[in-house]
Amino acid sequence: MMLRALLLLLFGGLASTLAQAAIETKTVEYRQGDARLVGYLAVPKDAKGPLPGVLVVHEWKGLDGYAKRRAEQLAELGYVAFAADIYGDGKIAADAKEAGALAGLYKKDRALLRARTAAGLATLKAQPGVVKEKVAAIGYCFGGTAVLELARSGAELAGVVSFHGGLDTPAPQDAKNIRAKVLVLHGADDPHVPDEQVAAFEQEMRTAGVDWQLIAYGGAVHGFTNPANGNDNSKGAAYNAAADARSWLAMQQFFIELFAKP
């Protein structure tokens, strides 16, 4: 009953409001060095006044429909949302093997990952009507790793949110550069992000004096926000409706804190 009430709150009560929040979307081509990147912009239609912006970084397969829909949902909430293209040319992996190879390239080269994510952030900030001092970044799985690395680079951000992202980094000392508030939304049973990695991340944040939060969702594994992952936890990645709803609400509360008027 509690889960049903939560889902009704998120997808029912809010839906009546959000359904009336018309949005506009378009493809935006941008560059990082010589690389051509193809992002996806979603904005509230007929918005009055400047708005906070949110960068969205995709999962390991690339900028697909899932990341684009999340950008649309953010626009429905009243934000200017830009879904970045980390791989370039709108590349989407054909299968898990290719996705692993693509993601692996950037996980091994964190400088490149930071640069590609920073290019998306710069493109978002350049959009008309974005309040540059009120910008956050969210990421899913691979994208969670990306936005945490963006924060570690010292990027000017109000906050970052990782949804079931990897928490490891080859340069934990770079946490001293973090200016953003950090929210990690984690599946407590995620086999890809074991307890040792979580503990190391927590110590990294403490040592650097970062304003951070970590919420662990019981019974949730990797990829808990994406229905395409099915519901078999034994596979290591599976959808969890309760964790999906709770994490989205946690993000919204975090944004209220970040973007509140002084």
C-alpha atoms as a PDB file:
ATOM      1  CA  MET A   1       0.000   0.000   0.000  1.00  0.00           C
ATOM      2  CA  MET A   2       2.833   2.388   0.839  1.00  0.00           C
ATOM      3  CA  LEU A   3       4.509   1.719  -2.519  1.00  0.00           C
ATOM      4  CA  ARG A   4       1.221   2.232  -4.344  1.00  0.00           C
ATOM      5  CA  ALA A   5       0.705   5.558  -2.598  1.00  0.00           C
ATOM      6  CA  LEU A   6       4.242   6.647  -3.483  1.00  0.00           C
ATOM      7  CA  LEU A   7       3.782   5.745  -7.128  1.00  0.00           C
ATOM      8  CA  LEU A   8       0.461   7.562  -7.242  1.00  0.00           C
ATOM      9  CA  LEU A   9       2.144  10.637  -5.811  1.00  0.00           C
ATOM     10  CA  LEU A  10       4.896  10.573  -8.387  1.00  0.00           C
ATOM     11  CA  PHE A  11       3.073   9.415 -11.496  1.00  0.00           C
ATOM     12  CA  GLY A  12      -0.488  10.269 -10.621  1.00  0.00           C
ATOM     13  CA  GLY A  13      -0.717  13.431  -8.566  1.00  0.00           C
ATOM     14  CA  LEU A  14       2.145  15.130 -10.355  1.00  0.00           C
ATOM     15  CA  ALA A  15       1.078  13.818 -13.740  1.00  0.00           C
ATOM     16  CA  SER A  16      -2.034  15.961 -13.808  1.00  0.00           C
ATOM     17  CA  THR A  17       0.193  19.020 -13.480  1.00  0.00           C
ATOM     18  CA  LEU A  18       3.051  17.847 -15.665  1.00  0.00           C
ATOM     19  CA  ALA A  19       0.745  16.779 -18.478  1.00  0.00           C
ATOM     20  CA  GLN A  20      -0.126  20.454 -18.939  1.00  0.00           C
ATOM     21  CA  ALA A  21       3.510  21.550 -18.897  1.00  0.00           C
ATOM     22  CA  ALA A  22       4.169  21.686 -22.638  1.00  0.00           C
ATOM     23  CA  ILE A  23       7.771  21.348 -23.713  1.00  0.00           C
ATOM     24  CA  GLU A  24       9.845  21.827 -26.823  1.00  0.00           C
ATOM     25  CA  THR A  25      12.746  19.626 -27.898  1.00  0.00           C
ATOM     26  CA  LYS A  26      15.479  19.790 -30.479  1.00  0.00           C
ATOM     27  CA  THR A  27      18.786  18.244 -31.439  1.00  0.00           C
ATOM     28  CA  VAL A  28      21.858  20.379 -30.700  1.00  0.00           C
ATOM     29  CA  GLU A  29      25.182  19.766 -32.397  1.00  0.00           C
ATOM     30  CA  TYR A  30      28.282  20.831 -30.465  1.00  0.00           C
ATOM     31  CA  ARG A  31      31.959  19.940 -30.251  1.00  0.00           C
ATOM     32  CA  GLN A  32      34.704  18.871 -27.903  1.00  0.00           C
ATOM     33  CA  GLY A  33      38.014  19.318 -29.645  1.00  0.00           C
ATOM     34  CA  ASP A  34      37.647  17.675 -33.048  1.00  0.00           C
ATOM     35  CA  ALA A  35      34.768  15.462 -31.936  1.00  0.00           C
ATOM     36  CA  ARG A  36      31.260  16.138 -33.221  1.00  0.00           C
ATOM     37  CA  LEU A  37      28.684  15.618 -30.497  1.00  0.00           C
ATOM     38  CA  VAL A  38      24.904  15.505 -30.910  1.00  0.00           C
ATOM     39  CA  GLY A  39      22.896  16.342 -27.792  1.00  0.00           C
ATOM     40  CA  TYR A  40      19.200  16.678 -27.048  1.00  0.00           C
ATOM     41  CA  LEU A  41      17.649  19.819 -25.571  1.00  0.00           C
ATOM     42  CA  ALA A  42      14.274  19.921 -23.787  1.00  0.00           C
ATOM     43  CA  VAL A  43      12.809  23.209 -22.546  1.00  0.00           C
ATOM     44  CA  PRO A  44       9.480  24.305 -21.065  1.00  0.00           C
ATOM     45  CA  LYS A  45       7.383  25.951 -23.735  1.00  0.00           C
ATOM     46  CA  ASP A  46       6.591  29.639 -23.253  1.00  0.00           C
ATOM     47  CA  ALA A  47       8.710  29.798 -20.088  1.00  0.00           C
ATOM     48  CA  LYS A  48       8.586  33.124 -18.294  1.00  0.00           C
ATOM     49  CA  GLY A  49      11.970  34.315 -17.122  1.00  0.00           C
ATOM     50  CA  PRO A  50      15.335  32.539 -16.838  1.00  0.00           C
ATOM     51  CA  LEU A  51      15.371  28.968 -15.508  1.00  0.00           C
ATOM     52  CA  PRO A  52      17.786  26.571 -13.782  1.00  0.00           C
ATOM     53  CA  GLY A  53      19.462  24.075 -16.092  1.00  0.00           C
ATOM     54  CA  VAL A  54      20.111  20.354 -15.713  1.00  0.00           C
ATOM     55  CA  LEU A  55      22.673  18.347 -17.670  1.00  0.00           C
ATOM     56  CA  VAL A  56      21.734  14.689 -18.249  1.00  0.00           C
ATOM     57  CA  VAL A  57      24.399  12.059 -18.975  1.00  0.00           C
ATOM     58  CA  HIS A  58      23.335   8.779 -20.511  1.00  0.00           C
ATOM     59  CA  GLU A  59      23.875   5.132 -19.593  1.00  0.00           C
ATOM     60  CA  TRP A  60      26.541   2.925 -21.140  1.00  0.00           C
ATOM     61  CA  LYS A  61      24.754   2.379 -24.465  1.00  0.00           C
ATOM     62  CA  GLY A  62      24.799   6.062 -25.398  1.00  0.00           C
ATOM     63  CA  LEU A  63      22.305   8.886 -25.824  1.00  0.00           C
ATOM     64  CA  ASP A  64      19.204   6.798 -26.426  1.00  0.00           C
ATOM     65  CA  GLY A  65      15.500   7.288 -25.831  1.00  0.00           C
ATOM     66  CA  TYR A  66      15.807   6.675 -22.099  1.00  0.00           C
ATOM     67  CA  ALA A  67      18.149   9.626 -21.471  1.00  0.00           C
ATOM     68  CA  LYS A  68      16.091  11.815 -23.790  1.00  0.00           C
ATOM     69  CA  ARG A  69      12.914  10.984 -21.902  1.00  0.00           C
ATOM     70  CA  ARG A  70      14.579  11.932 -18.624  1.00  0.00           C
ATOM     71  CA  ALA A  71      15.497  15.291 -20.168  1.00  0.00           C
ATOM     72  CA  GLU A  72      11.870  15.732 -21.200  1.00  0.00           C
ATOM     73  CA  GLN A  73      10.683  14.924 -17.680  1.00  0.00           C
ATOM     74  CA  LEU A  74      13.023  17.563 -16.290  1.00  0.00           C
ATOM     75  CA  ALA A  75      11.662  20.116 -18.749  1.00  0.00           C
ATOM     76  CA  GLU A  76       8.167  19.203 -17.592  1.00  0.00           C
ATOM     77  CA  LEU A  77       9.309  20.081 -14.078  1.00  0.00           C
ATOM     78  CA  GLY A  78      10.351  23.514 -15.277  1.00  0.00           C
ATOM     79  CA  TYR A  79      14.068  23.110 -15.997  1.00  0.00           C
ATOM     80  CA  VAL A  80      16.088  23.581 -19.162  1.00  0.00           C
ATOM     81  CA  ALA A  81      17.504  20.090 -19.687  1.00  0.00           C
ATOM     82  CA  PHE A  82      20.308  19.061 -22.013  1.00  0.00           C
ATOM     83  CA  ALA A  83      21.145  15.402 -22.600  1.00  0.00           C
ATOM     84  CA  ALA A  84      24.809  15.183 -23.538  1.00  0.00           C
ATOM     85  CA  ASP A  85      26.378  12.895 -26.122  1.00  0.00           C
ATOM     86  CA  ILE A  86      29.565  11.509 -24.603  1.00  0.00           C
ATOM     87  CA  TYR A  87      30.419   9.021 -27.360  1.00  0.00           C
ATOM     88  CA  GLY A  88      30.014  11.439 -30.270  1.00  0.00           C
ATOM     89  CA  ASP A  89      27.979  11.482 -33.488  1.00  0.00           C
ATOM     90  CA  GLY A  90      24.969  10.223 -31.521  1.00  0.00           C
ATOM     91  CA  LYS A  91      26.568   6.788 -31.265  1.00  0.00           C
ATOM     92  CA  ILE A  92      24.383   4.128 -29.620  1.00  0.00           C
ATOM     93  CA  ALA A  93      25.815   0.690 -28.876  1.00  0.00           C
ATOM     94  CA  ALA A  94      24.149  -2.216 -30.642  1.00  0.00           C
ATOM     95  CA  ASP A  95      24.527  -4.593 -27.705  1.00  0.00           C
ATOM     96  CA  ALA A  96      26.029  -5.023 -24.252  1.00  0.00           C
ATOM     97  CA  LYS A  97      29.419  -6.054 -25.649  1.00  0.00           C
ATOM     98  CA  GLU A  98      29.762  -2.856 -27.666  1.00  0.00           C
ATOM     99  CA  ALA A  99      28.396  -0.777 -24.787  1.00  0.00           C
ATOM    100  CA  GLY A 100      31.016  -2.239 -22.464  1.00  0.00           C
ATOM    101  CA  ALA A 101      33.781  -1.427 -24.918  1.00  0.00           C
ATOM    102  CA  LEU A 102      32.575   2.156 -25.415  1.00  0.00           C
ATOM    103  CA  ALA A 103      32.086   2.852 -21.727  1.00  0.00           C
ATOM    104  CA  GLY A 104      35.418   1.208 -20.957  1.00  0.00           C
ATOM    105  CA  LEU A 105      37.288   3.671 -23.168  1.00  0.00           C
ATOM    106  CA  TYR A 106      36.063   6.593 -21.095  1.00  0.00           C
ATOM    107  CA  LYS A 107      36.395   4.892 -17.733  1.00  0.00           C
ATOM    108  CA  LYS A 108      40.043   4.251 -18.540  1.00  0.00           C
ATOM    109  CA  ASP A 109      40.554   7.826 -19.747  1.00  0.00           C
ATOM    110  CA  ARG A 110      38.944   9.971 -17.046  1.00  0.00           C
ATOM    111  CA  ALA A 111      40.435  13.151 -18.518  1.00  0.00           C
ATOM    112  CA  LEU A 112      38.541  12.525 -21.753  1.00  0.00           C
ATOM    113  CA  LEU A 113      35.383  11.625 -19.836  1.00  0.00           C
ATOM    114  CA  ARG A 114      35.617  14.891 -17.907  1.00  0.00           C
ATOM    115  CA  ALA A 115      36.236  16.865 -21.097  1.00  0.00           C
ATOM    116  CA  ARG A 116      33.269  15.342 -22.931  1.00  0.00           C
ATOM    117  CA  THR A 117      30.980  15.946 -19.948  1.00  0.00           C
ATOM    118  CA  ALA A 118      32.270  19.492 -19.527  1.00  0.00           C
ATOM    119  CA  ALA A 119      31.475  20.175 -23.195  1.00  0.00           C
ATOM    120  CA  GLY A 120      27.873  19.206 -22.507  1.00  0.00           C
ATOM    121  CA  LEU A 121      27.800  21.469 -19.470  1.00  0.00           C
ATOM    122  CA  ALA A 122      29.142  24.414 -21.477  1.00  0.00           C
ATOM    123  CA  THR A 123      26.520  23.822 -24.155  1.00  0.00           C
ATOM    124  CA  LEU A 124      23.754  23.796 -21.554  1.00  0.00           C
ATOM    125  CA  LYS A 125      24.996  27.019 -19.978  1.00  0.00           C
ATOM    126  CA  ALA A 126      25.088  28.657 -23.423  1.00  0.00           C
ATOM    127  CA  GLN A 127      21.373  28.071 -23.995  1.00  0.00           C
ATOM    128  CA  PRO A 128      19.146  31.167 -23.844  1.00  0.00           C
ATOM    129  CA  GLY A 129      17.292  31.539 -20.574  1.00  0.00           C
ATOM    130  CA  VAL A 130      19.552  29.355 -18.433  1.00  0.00           C
ATOM    131  CA  VAL A 131      20.657  30.789 -15.089  1.00  0.00           C
ATOM    132  CA  LYS A 132      24.342  29.881 -15.189  1.00  0.00           C
ATOM    133  CA  GLU A 133      24.654  29.982 -11.400  1.00  0.00           C
ATOM    134  CA  LYS A 134      21.803  27.464 -11.063  1.00  0.00           C
ATOM    135  CA  VAL A 135      22.926  24.421 -13.015  1.00  0.00           C
ATOM    136  CA  ALA A 136      23.095  20.788 -11.919  1.00  0.00           C
ATOM    137  CA  ALA A 137      24.116  17.537 -13.593  1.00  0.00           C
ATOM    138  CA  ILE A 138      22.537  14.095 -13.283  1.00  0.00           C
ATOM    139  CA  GLY A 139      23.689  10.797 -14.710  1.00  0.00           C
ATOM    140  CA  TYR A 140      22.584   7.195 -14.926  1.00  0.00           C
ATOM    141  CA  CYS A 141      25.003   4.252 -14.506  1.00  0.00           C
ATOM    142  CA  PHE A 142      27.915   5.292 -16.772  1.00  0.00           C
ATOM    143  CA  GLY A 143      26.474   8.801 -16.605  1.00  0.00           C
ATOM    144  CA  GLY A 144      26.606   8.748 -12.820  1.00  0.00           C
ATOM    145  CA  THR A 145      30.333   8.128 -13.015  1.00  0.00           C
ATOM    146  CA  ALA A 146      30.604  10.948 -15.554  1.00  0.00           C
ATOM    147  CA  VAL A 147      28.888  13.615 -13.454  1.00  0.00           C
ATOM    148  CA  LEU A 148      30.918  12.686 -10.374  1.00  0.00           C
ATOM    149  CA  GLU A 149      34.099  13.064 -12.436  1.00  0.00           C
ATOM    150  CA  LEU A 150      32.783  16.407 -13.682  1.00  0.00           C
ATOM    151  CA  ALA A 151      32.399  17.507 -10.071  1.00  0.00           C
ATOM    152  CA  ARG A 152      35.898  16.245  -9.210  1.00  0.00           C
ATOM    153  CA  SER A 153      37.274  18.376 -12.049  1.00  0.00           C
ATOM    154  CA  GLY A 154      36.152  21.508 -10.191  1.00  0.00           C
ATOM    155  CA  ALA A 155      33.377  22.403 -12.614  1.00  0.00           C
ATOM    156  CA  GLU A 156      31.110  25.245 -11.590  1.00  0.00           C
ATOM    157  CA  LEU A 157      27.924  23.408 -10.652  1.00  0.00           C
ATOM    158  CA  ALA A 158      25.332  23.775  -7.934  1.00  0.00           C
ATOM    159  CA  GLY A 159      24.986  20.020  -7.566  1.00  0.00           C
ATOM    160  CA  VAL A 160      25.362  16.581  -9.119  1.00  0.00           C
ATOM    161  CA  VAL A 161      23.151  13.501  -8.831  1.00  0.00           C
ATOM    162  CA  SER A 162      24.307   9.967  -9.585  1.00  0.00           C
ATOM    163  CA  PHE A 163      21.625   7.339 -10.212  1.00  0.00           C
ATOM    164  CA  HIS A 164      23.119   3.839  -9.749  1.00  0.00           C
ATOM    165  CA  GLY A 165      26.463   5.102 -11.027  1.00  0.00           C
ATOM    166  CA  GLY A 166      29.963   3.830 -10.412  1.00  0.00           C
ATOM    167  CA  LEU A 167      31.615   5.619  -7.493  1.00  0.00           C
ATOM    168  CA  ASP A 168      35.253   4.680  -8.093  1.00  0.00           C
ATOM    169  CA  THR A 169      37.873   7.070  -9.395  1.00  0.00           C
ATOM    170  CA  PRO A 170      41.600   6.786 -10.103  1.00  0.00           C
ATOM    171  CA  ALA A 171      42.079  10.253  -8.548  1.00  0.00           C
ATOM    172  CA  PRO A 172      40.211  10.440  -5.223  1.00  0.00           C
ATOM    173  CA  GLN A 173      42.447  13.351  -4.232  1.00  0.00           C
ATOM    174  CA  ASP A 174      40.604  15.435  -6.832  1.00  0.00           C
ATOM    175  CA  ALA A 175      37.571  15.518  -4.561  1.00  0.00           C
ATOM    176  CA  LYS A 176      39.188  18.587  -3.003  1.00  0.00           C
ATOM    177  CA  ASN A 177      38.176  20.426  -6.200  1.00  0.00           C
ATOM    178  CA  ILE A 178      34.461  19.724  -5.796  1.00  0.00           C
ATOM    179  CA  ARG A 179      32.332  22.868  -5.571  1.00  0.00           C
ATOM    180  CA  ALA A 180      28.978  21.150  -6.018  1.00  0.00           C
ATOM    181  CA  LYS A 181      26.737  19.458  -3.533  1.00  0.00           C
ATOM    182  CA  VAL A 182      26.647  15.723  -4.216  1.00  0.00           C
ATOM    183  CA  LEU A 183      23.709  13.313  -4.095  1.00  0.00           C
ATOM    184  CA  VAL A 184      24.277   9.611  -4.766  1.00  0.00           C
ATOM    185  CA  LEU A 185      21.220   7.383  -5.272  1.00  0.00           C
ATOM    186  CA  HIS A 186      22.441   3.823  -4.942  1.00  0.00           C
ATOM    187  CA  GLY A 187      21.045   0.317  -5.123  1.00  0.00           C
ATOM    188  CA  ALA A 188      21.980  -1.296  -1.811  1.00  0.00           C
ATOM    189  CA  ASP A 189      22.383  -4.698  -3.520  1.00  0.00           C
ATOM    190  CA  ASP A 190      24.226  -3.450  -6.621  1.00  0.00           C
ATOM    191  CA  PRO A 191      26.890  -6.067  -7.448  1.00  0.00           C
ATOM    192  CA  HIS A 192      28.675  -3.622  -9.763  1.00  0.00           C
ATOM    193  CA  VAL A 193      29.181  -1.091  -6.972  1.00  0.00           C
ATOM    194  CA  PRO A 194      30.163  -3.234  -3.969  1.00  0.00           C
ATOM    195  CA  ASP A 195      30.301  -2.099  -0.362  1.00  0.00           C
ATOM    196  CA  GLU A 196      34.069  -1.545  -0.552  1.00  0.00           C
ATOM    197  CA  GLN A 197      33.589   0.965  -3.373  1.00  0.00           C
ATOM    198  CA  VAL A 198      30.823   2.726  -1.461  1.00  0.00           C
ATOM    199  CA  ALA A 199      33.000   2.939   1.661  1.00  0.00           C
ATOM    200  CA  ALA A 200      35.933   4.335  -0.335  1.00  0.00           C
ATOM    201  CA  PHE A 201      33.670   6.966  -1.889  1.00  0.00           C
ATOM    202  CA  GLU A 202      32.296   7.996   1.496  1.00  0.00           C
ATOM    203  CA  GLN A 203      35.809   8.389   2.869  1.00  0.00           C
ATOM    204  CA  GLU A 204      36.812  10.375  -0.217  1.00  0.00           C
ATOM    205  CA  MET A 205      33.932  12.791   0.377  1.00  0.00           C
ATOM    206  CA  ARG A 206      34.684  13.128   4.104  1.00  0.00           C
ATOM    207  CA  THR A 207      38.383  13.739   3.559  1.00  0.00           C
ATOM    208  CA  ALA A 208      37.624  16.500   1.045  1.00  0.00           C
ATOM    209  CA  GLY A 209      34.915  18.097   3.185  1.00  0.00           C
ATOM    210  CA  VAL A 210      32.282  17.793   0.459  1.00  0.00           C
ATOM    211  CA  ASP A 211      28.593  18.463   1.122  1.00  0.00           C
ATOM    212  CA  TRP A 212      27.362  14.997   0.173  1.00  0.00           C
ATOM    213  CA  GLN A 213      24.495  12.541   0.659  1.00  0.00           C
ATOM    214  CA  LEU A 214      24.168   8.875  -0.213  1.00  0.00           C
ATOM    215  CA  ILE A 215      20.791   7.123  -0.199  1.00  0.00           C
ATOM    216  CA  ALA A 216      20.838   3.331  -0.538  1.00  0.00           C
ATOM    217  CA  TYR A 217      17.645   1.603  -1.648  1.00  0.00           C
ATOM    218  CA  GLY A 218      17.098  -1.837  -0.164  1.00  0.00           C
ATOM    219  CA  GLY A 219      16.362  -4.612  -2.634  1.00  0.00           C
ATOM    220  CA  ALA A 220      17.635  -2.538  -5.575  1.00  0.00           C
ATOM    221  CA  VAL A 221      20.491  -3.590  -7.842  1.00  0.00           C
ATOM    222  CA  HIS A 222      22.192  -1.846 -10.757  1.00  0.00           C
ATOM    223  CA  GLY A 223      20.056   0.075 -13.253  1.00  0.00           C
ATOM    224  CA  PHE A 224      17.059   0.273 -10.921  1.00  0.00           C
ATOM    225  CA  THR A 225      15.471   3.278 -12.691  1.00  0.00           C
ATOM    226  CA  ASN A 226      15.210   1.759 -16.175  1.00  0.00           C
ATOM    227  CA  PRO A 227      12.216  -0.524 -16.921  1.00  0.00           C
ATOM    228  CA  ALA A 228      14.110  -1.962 -19.896  1.00  0.00           C
ATOM    229  CA  ASN A 229      16.283  -3.887 -17.413  1.00  0.00           C
ATOM    230  CA  GLY A 230      13.431  -6.224 -16.432  1.00  0.00           C
ATOM    231  CA  ASN A 231      12.830  -7.303 -12.846  1.00  0.00           C
ATOM    232  CA  ASP A 232      15.233 -10.200 -12.268  1.00  0.00           C
ATOM    233  CA  ASN A 233      17.726  -9.042  -9.626  1.00  0.00           C
ATOM    234  CA  SER A 234      19.866 -12.136 -10.186  1.00  0.00           C
ATOM    235  CA  LYS A 235      21.047 -10.587 -13.470  1.00  0.00           C
ATOM    236  CA  GLY A 236      22.725  -7.776 -11.537  1.00  0.00           C
ATOM    237  CA  ALA A 237      20.720  -5.029 -13.252  1.00  0.00           C
ATOM    238  CA  ALA A 238      16.962  -4.792 -12.824  1.00  0.00           C
ATOM    239  CA  TYR A 239      14.164  -2.254 -12.574  1.00  0.00           C
ATOM    240  CA  ASN A 240      12.785  -1.461  -9.128  1.00  0.00           C
ATOM    241  CA  ALA A 241       9.647   0.686  -9.203  1.00  0.00           C
ATOM    242  CA  ALA A 242       9.920   1.783  -5.587  1.00  0.00           C
ATOM    243  CA  ALA A 243      13.566   2.821  -5.891  1.00  0.00           C
ATOM    244  CA  ASP A 244      12.836   4.568  -9.188  1.00  0.00           C
ATOM    245  CA  ALA A 245      10.021   6.620  -7.653  1.00  0.00           C
ATOM    246  CA  ARG A 246      11.881   7.377  -4.439  1.00  0.00           C
ATOM    247  CA  SER A 247      15.082   8.408  -6.182  1.00  0.00           C
ATOM    248  CA  TRP A 248      13.265  10.760  -8.570  1.00  0.00           C
ATOM    249  CA  LEU A 249      11.544  12.426  -5.622  1.00  0.00           C
ATOM    250  CA  ALA A 250      14.888  12.671  -3.784  1.00  0.00           C
ATOM    251  CA  MET A 251      16.369  14.418  -6.814  1.00  0.00           C
ATOM    252  CA  GLN A 252      13.480  16.889  -6.904  1.00  0.00           C
ATOM    253  CA  GLN A 253      13.920  17.713  -3.219  1.00  0.00           C
ATOM    254  CA  PHE A 254      17.647  18.190  -3.799  1.00  0.00           C
ATOM    255  CA  PHE A 255      16.910  20.607  -6.642  1.00  0.00           C
ATOM    256  CA  ILE A 256      14.554  22.604  -4.444  1.00  0.00           C
ATOM    257  CA  GLU A 257      17.469  23.073  -2.043  1.00  0.00           C
ATOM    258  CA  LEU A 258      19.939  23.916  -4.815  1.00  0.00           C
ATOM    259  CA  PHE A 259      17.787  26.344  -6.737  1.00  0.00           C
ATOM    260  CA  ALA A 260      15.806  28.044  -3.965  1.00  0.00           C
ATOM    261  CA  LYS A 261      15.716  31.809  -4.274  1.00  0.00           C
ATOM    262  CA  PRO A 262      18.065  33.545  -1.809  1.00  0.00           C
END
